[in-house]
Amino acid sequence: MKKTTLLIIGIILVSSVFAQPGACRDPRMMHKPNKMAMMNKEHRGENREQMMVFRLTEHLELTAEQAEKFFPKMREHRAIMDKIDEEIFETSKVLRDKVKDEKEISDAELKNFLTKVSALQDKKSDARNEFINSLDNVLDNTQIAKLAMAPKLFKNDKMMKKG
């Protein structure tokens, strides 16, 4: 009786471990759960990228030739924008920590922060304008106009946002 009870408890424990969300089901990966999580994150990023390519191709009605020229420029532009976003994040880190710790923020700190963020947002706007203007030989005017309005169309679309 004791053996049966222990066996049943053992089976329940083992099955409950595998039933947990995010549990590793591949025995080869059990010792590397972080690697699985990273692979899933990379896969999601690839899916978002593919979805963006599909949606923009459809929205802009791109030909194959246009897509070959447009998407490398788009990826380069997104890398620039991501870098600026990272700078904004890093700039705000000190203030975020002070707010989190409920410490007082001086007028000079706030003014310095707002000046830096404003400059970075101007840099972002300039980069976007430069990107849009660089598409004259790739897209027609209607496609450029659609692209200029595209962020508003996809703003609330979680598939277009970064993870």
C-alpha atoms as a PDB file:
ATOM      1  CA  MET A   1       0.000   0.000   0.000  1.00  0.00           C
ATOM      2  CA  LYS A   2       2.817   2.397   0.890  1.00  0.00           C
ATOM      3  CA  LYS A   3       4.604   1.678  -2.391  1.00  0.00           C
ATOM      4  CA  THR A   4       1.448   2.380  -4.378  1.00  0.00           C
ATOM      5  CA  THR A   5       0.821   5.633  -2.512  1.00  0.00           C
ATOM      6  CA  LEU A   6       4.429   6.755  -3.025  1.00  0.00           C
ATOM      7  CA  LEU A   7       4.231   5.824  -6.708  1.00  0.00           C
ATOM      8  CA  ILE A   8       1.025   7.827  -7.186  1.00  0.00           C
ATOM      9  CA  ILE A   9       2.468  10.853  -5.342  1.00  0.00           C
ATOM     10  CA  GLY A  10       5.629  10.609  -7.439  1.00  0.00           C
ATOM     11  CA  ILE A  11       3.650  10.512 -10.684  1.00  0.00           C
ATOM     12  CA  ILE A  12       1.545  13.493  -9.597  1.00  0.00           C
ATOM     13  CA  LEU A  13       4.643  15.522  -8.679  1.00  0.00           C
ATOM     14  CA  VAL A  14       6.416  14.727 -11.939  1.00  0.00           C
ATOM     15  CA  SER A  15       3.341  15.468 -14.048  1.00  0.00           C
ATOM     16  CA  SER A  16       2.711  18.751 -12.220  1.00  0.00           C
ATOM     17  CA  VAL A  17       6.267  19.900 -12.956  1.00  0.00           C
ATOM     18  CA  PHE A  18       5.763  19.292 -16.670  1.00  0.00           C
ATOM     19  CA  ALA A  19       2.361  20.975 -16.591  1.00  0.00           C
ATOM     20  CA  GLN A  20       3.799  24.313 -15.442  1.00  0.00           C
ATOM     21  CA  PRO A  21       3.855  27.140 -18.016  1.00  0.00           C
ATOM     22  CA  GLY A  22       7.272  27.523 -19.535  1.00  0.00           C
ATOM     23  CA  ALA A  23       8.343  24.084 -18.402  1.00  0.00           C
ATOM     24  CA  CYS A  24      10.951  22.561 -20.620  1.00  0.00           C
ATOM     25  CA  ARG A  25       9.537  19.559 -22.414  1.00  0.00           C
ATOM     26  CA  ASP A  26      12.646  18.701 -24.387  1.00  0.00           C
ATOM     27  CA  PRO A  27      14.844  16.470 -22.182  1.00  0.00           C
ATOM     28  CA  ARG A  28      17.954  17.647 -24.038  1.00  0.00           C
ATOM     29  CA  MET A  29      17.229  21.233 -22.968  1.00  0.00           C
ATOM     30  CA  MET A  30      16.302  20.597 -19.323  1.00  0.00           C
ATOM     31  CA  HIS A  31      19.698  21.736 -18.100  1.00  0.00           C
ATOM     32  CA  LYS A  32      19.505  24.926 -20.194  1.00  0.00           C
ATOM     33  CA  PRO A  33      16.093  26.526 -19.595  1.00  0.00           C
ATOM     34  CA  ASN A  34      17.443  30.007 -20.314  1.00  0.00           C
ATOM     35  CA  LYS A  35      18.550  28.898 -23.746  1.00  0.00           C
ATOM     36  CA  MET A  36      14.979  27.779 -24.479  1.00  0.00           C
ATOM     37  CA  ALA A  37      13.615  31.136 -23.341  1.00  0.00           C
ATOM     38  CA  MET A  38      16.137  32.970 -25.510  1.00  0.00           C
ATOM     39  CA  MET A  39      15.261  30.820 -28.510  1.00  0.00           C
ATOM     40  CA  ASN A  40      11.563  31.572 -27.984  1.00  0.00           C
ATOM     41  CA  LYS A  41      12.294  35.310 -27.693  1.00  0.00           C
ATOM     42  CA  GLU A  42      14.353  35.257 -30.905  1.00  0.00           C
ATOM     43  CA  HIS A  43      11.606  33.302 -32.636  1.00  0.00           C
ATOM     44  CA  ARG A  44       8.992  35.858 -31.544  1.00  0.00           C
ATOM     45  CA  GLY A  45      11.229  38.655 -32.842  1.00  0.00           C
ATOM     46  CA  GLU A  46      11.531  36.906 -36.193  1.00  0.00           C
ATOM     47  CA  ASN A  47       7.765  36.442 -36.333  1.00  0.00           C
ATOM     48  CA  ARG A  48       7.200  40.136 -35.621  1.00  0.00           C
ATOM     49  CA  GLU A  49       9.700  41.048 -38.318  1.00  0.00           C
ATOM     50  CA  GLN A  50       7.985  38.752 -40.812  1.00  0.00           C
ATOM     51  CA  MET A  51       4.591  40.156 -39.880  1.00  0.00           C
ATOM     52  CA  MET A  52       5.880  43.710 -40.325  1.00  0.00           C
ATOM     53  CA  VAL A  53       7.314  42.846 -43.748  1.00  0.00           C
ATOM     54  CA  PHE A  54       4.056  41.218 -44.784  1.00  0.00           C
ATOM     55  CA  ARG A  55       1.869  44.057 -43.494  1.00  0.00           C
ATOM     56  CA  LEU A  56       4.017  46.812 -45.009  1.00  0.00           C
ATOM     57  CA  THR A  57       4.318  44.976 -48.326  1.00  0.00           C
ATOM     58  CA  GLU A  58       0.559  44.676 -48.442  1.00  0.00           C
ATOM     59  CA  HIS A  59      -0.168  48.188 -47.146  1.00  0.00           C
ATOM     60  CA  LEU A  60       2.303  49.891 -49.490  1.00  0.00           C
ATOM     61  CA  GLU A  61       1.518  47.524 -52.381  1.00  0.00           C
ATOM     62  CA  LEU A  62       5.236  46.935 -52.964  1.00  0.00           C
ATOM     63  CA  THR A  63       6.561  45.174 -56.025  1.00  0.00           C
ATOM     64  CA  ALA A  64       9.313  42.593 -55.563  1.00  0.00           C
ATOM     65  CA  GLU A  65      11.914  45.076 -56.842  1.00  0.00           C
ATOM     66  CA  GLN A  66      10.713  47.782 -54.478  1.00  0.00           C
ATOM     67  CA  ALA A  67      10.716  45.380 -51.533  1.00  0.00           C
ATOM     68  CA  GLU A  68      14.322  44.366 -52.280  1.00  0.00           C
ATOM     69  CA  LYS A  69      15.392  47.997 -52.000  1.00  0.00           C
ATOM     70  CA  PHE A  70      12.977  49.150 -49.300  1.00  0.00           C
ATOM     71  CA  PHE A  71      13.392  46.584 -46.509  1.00  0.00           C
ATOM     72  CA  PRO A  72      17.183  46.867 -46.124  1.00  0.00           C
ATOM     73  CA  LYS A  73      16.715  50.631 -45.745  1.00  0.00           C
ATOM     74  CA  MET A  74      13.856  50.043 -43.328  1.00  0.00           C
ATOM     75  CA  ARG A  75      15.950  47.682 -41.178  1.00  0.00           C
ATOM     76  CA  GLU A  76      18.803  50.184 -41.090  1.00  0.00           C
ATOM     77  CA  HIS A  77      16.366  52.921 -40.079  1.00  0.00           C
ATOM     78  CA  ARG A  78      14.857  50.738 -37.329  1.00  0.00           C
ATOM     79  CA  ALA A  79      18.356  50.023 -35.976  1.00  0.00           C
ATOM     80  CA  ILE A  80      19.014  53.775 -35.758  1.00  0.00           C
ATOM     81  CA  MET A  81      15.666  54.366 -34.044  1.00  0.00           C
ATOM     82  CA  ASP A  82      16.291  51.497 -31.602  1.00  0.00           C
ATOM     83  CA  LYS A  83      19.666  53.003 -30.719  1.00  0.00           C
ATOM     84  CA  ILE A  84      18.077  56.385 -30.010  1.00  0.00           C
ATOM     85  CA  ASP A  85      15.355  54.702 -27.922  1.00  0.00           C
ATOM     86  CA  GLU A  86      18.080  52.974 -25.919  1.00  0.00           C
ATOM     87  CA  GLU A  87      19.779  56.344 -25.349  1.00  0.00           C
ATOM     88  CA  ILE A  88      16.483  57.780 -24.098  1.00  0.00           C
ATOM     89  CA  PHE A  89      16.047  54.788 -21.793  1.00  0.00           C
ATOM     90  CA  GLU A  90      19.573  55.161 -20.402  1.00  0.00           C
ATOM     91  CA  THR A  91      19.130  58.922 -19.980  1.00  0.00           C
ATOM     92  CA  SER A  92      15.998  58.400 -17.908  1.00  0.00           C
ATOM     93  CA  LYS A  93      17.500  55.654 -15.736  1.00  0.00           C
ATOM     94  CA  VAL A  94      18.756  57.973 -12.968  1.00  0.00           C
ATOM     95  CA  LEU A  95      15.416  59.771 -12.718  1.00  0.00           C
ATOM     96  CA  ARG A  96      13.471  56.489 -12.796  1.00  0.00           C
ATOM     97  CA  ASP A  97      15.559  55.225  -9.887  1.00  0.00           C
ATOM     98  CA  LYS A  98      14.943  58.408  -7.909  1.00  0.00           C
ATOM     99  CA  VAL A  99      11.207  58.241  -8.549  1.00  0.00           C
ATOM    100  CA  LYS A 100      11.165  54.554  -7.603  1.00  0.00           C
ATOM    101  CA  ASP A 101      13.059  55.259  -4.378  1.00  0.00           C
ATOM    102  CA  GLU A 102      10.854  58.306  -3.742  1.00  0.00           C
ATOM    103  CA  LYS A 103      13.859  60.619  -3.632  1.00  0.00           C
ATOM    104  CA  GLU A 104      13.607  64.284  -4.455  1.00  0.00           C
ATOM    105  CA  ILE A 105      14.573  65.456  -7.937  1.00  0.00           C
ATOM    106  CA  SER A 106      16.245  68.841  -8.163  1.00  0.00           C
ATOM    107  CA  ASP A 107      15.222  71.492 -10.681  1.00  0.00           C
ATOM    108  CA  ALA A 108      18.610  71.198 -12.386  1.00  0.00           C
ATOM    109  CA  GLU A 109      18.307  67.417 -12.734  1.00  0.00           C
ATOM    110  CA  LEU A 110      14.836  67.698 -14.210  1.00  0.00           C
ATOM    111  CA  LYS A 111      15.839  70.461 -16.615  1.00  0.00           C
ATOM    112  CA  ASN A 112      18.934  68.511 -17.698  1.00  0.00           C
ATOM    113  CA  PHE A 113      16.844  65.373 -18.248  1.00  0.00           C
ATOM    114  CA  LEU A 114      14.173  67.198 -20.258  1.00  0.00           C
ATOM    115  CA  THR A 115      16.803  68.915 -22.405  1.00  0.00           C
ATOM    116  CA  LYS A 116      18.556  65.631 -23.189  1.00  0.00           C
ATOM    117  CA  VAL A 117      15.333  63.775 -23.980  1.00  0.00           C
ATOM    118  CA  SER A 118      14.110  66.636 -26.148  1.00  0.00           C
ATOM    119  CA  ALA A 119      17.385  66.578 -28.102  1.00  0.00           C
ATOM    120  CA  LEU A 120      17.138  62.798 -28.551  1.00  0.00           C
ATOM    121  CA  GLN A 121      13.527  63.073 -29.717  1.00  0.00           C
ATOM    122  CA  ASP A 122      14.609  65.737 -32.226  1.00  0.00           C
ATOM    123  CA  LYS A 123      17.328  63.330 -33.373  1.00  0.00           C
ATOM    124  CA  LYS A 124      14.656  60.663 -33.830  1.00  0.00           C
ATOM    125  CA  SER A 125      12.457  63.002 -35.836  1.00  0.00           C
ATOM    126  CA  ASP A 126      15.403  64.004 -38.039  1.00  0.00           C
ATOM    127  CA  ALA A 127      16.285  60.347 -38.617  1.00  0.00           C
ATOM    128  CA  ARG A 128      12.696  59.585 -39.625  1.00  0.00           C
ATOM    129  CA  ASN A 129      12.594  62.518 -42.044  1.00  0.00           C
ATOM    130  CA  GLU A 130      15.939  61.496 -43.508  1.00  0.00           C
ATOM    131  CA  PHE A 131      14.661  57.937 -43.987  1.00  0.00           C
ATOM    132  CA  ILE A 132      11.416  59.084 -45.654  1.00  0.00           C
ATOM    133  CA  ASN A 133      13.354  61.441 -47.945  1.00  0.00           C
ATOM    134  CA  SER A 134      15.789  58.660 -48.908  1.00  0.00           C
ATOM    135  CA  LEU A 135      12.947  56.651 -50.465  1.00  0.00           C
ATOM    136  CA  ASP A 136      12.406  58.900 -53.520  1.00  0.00           C
ATOM    137  CA  ASN A 137      14.113  56.428 -55.841  1.00  0.00           C
ATOM    138  CA  VAL A 138      12.448  53.383 -54.225  1.00  0.00           C
ATOM    139  CA  LEU A 139       8.771  54.252 -53.696  1.00  0.00           C
ATOM    140  CA  ASP A 140       6.302  56.470 -55.504  1.00  0.00           C
ATOM    141  CA  ASN A 141       4.727  59.477 -53.761  1.00  0.00           C
ATOM    142  CA  THR A 142       1.554  57.596 -52.784  1.00  0.00           C
ATOM    143  CA  GLN A 143       3.590  54.809 -51.187  1.00  0.00           C
ATOM    144  CA  ILE A 144       5.748  57.339 -49.322  1.00  0.00           C
ATOM    145  CA  ALA A 145       2.605  59.068 -48.031  1.00  0.00           C
ATOM    146  CA  LYS A 146       1.174  55.709 -46.918  1.00  0.00           C
ATOM    147  CA  LEU A 147       4.436  54.911 -45.138  1.00  0.00           C
ATOM    148  CA  ALA A 148       4.478  58.301 -43.423  1.00  0.00           C
ATOM    149  CA  MET A 149       1.006  57.519 -42.046  1.00  0.00           C
ATOM    150  CA  ALA A 150       1.770  53.837 -41.306  1.00  0.00           C
ATOM    151  CA  PRO A 151       2.992  54.301 -37.709  1.00  0.00           C
ATOM    152  CA  LYS A 152      -0.405  55.737 -36.831  1.00  0.00           C
ATOM    153  CA  LEU A 153      -2.118  52.765 -38.470  1.00  0.00           C
ATOM    154  CA  PHE A 154       0.005  50.211 -36.625  1.00  0.00           C
ATOM    155  CA  LYS A 155       0.383  52.135 -33.359  1.00  0.00           C
ATOM    156  CA  ASN A 156      -1.905  49.909 -31.324  1.00  0.00           C
ATOM    157  CA  ASP A 157      -1.035  46.711 -33.179  1.00  0.00           C
ATOM    158  CA  LYS A 158       0.942  44.529 -30.766  1.00  0.00           C
ATOM    159  CA  MET A 159       2.449  42.615 -33.680  1.00  0.00           C
ATOM    160  CA  MET A 160       4.243  45.768 -34.820  1.00  0.00           C
ATOM    161  CA  LYS A 161       5.644  46.606 -31.388  1.00  0.00           C
ATOM    162  CA  LYS A 162       8.922  45.248 -30.035  1.00  0.00           C
ATOM    163  CA  GLY A 163       8.737  42.643 -27.370  1.00  0.00           C
END
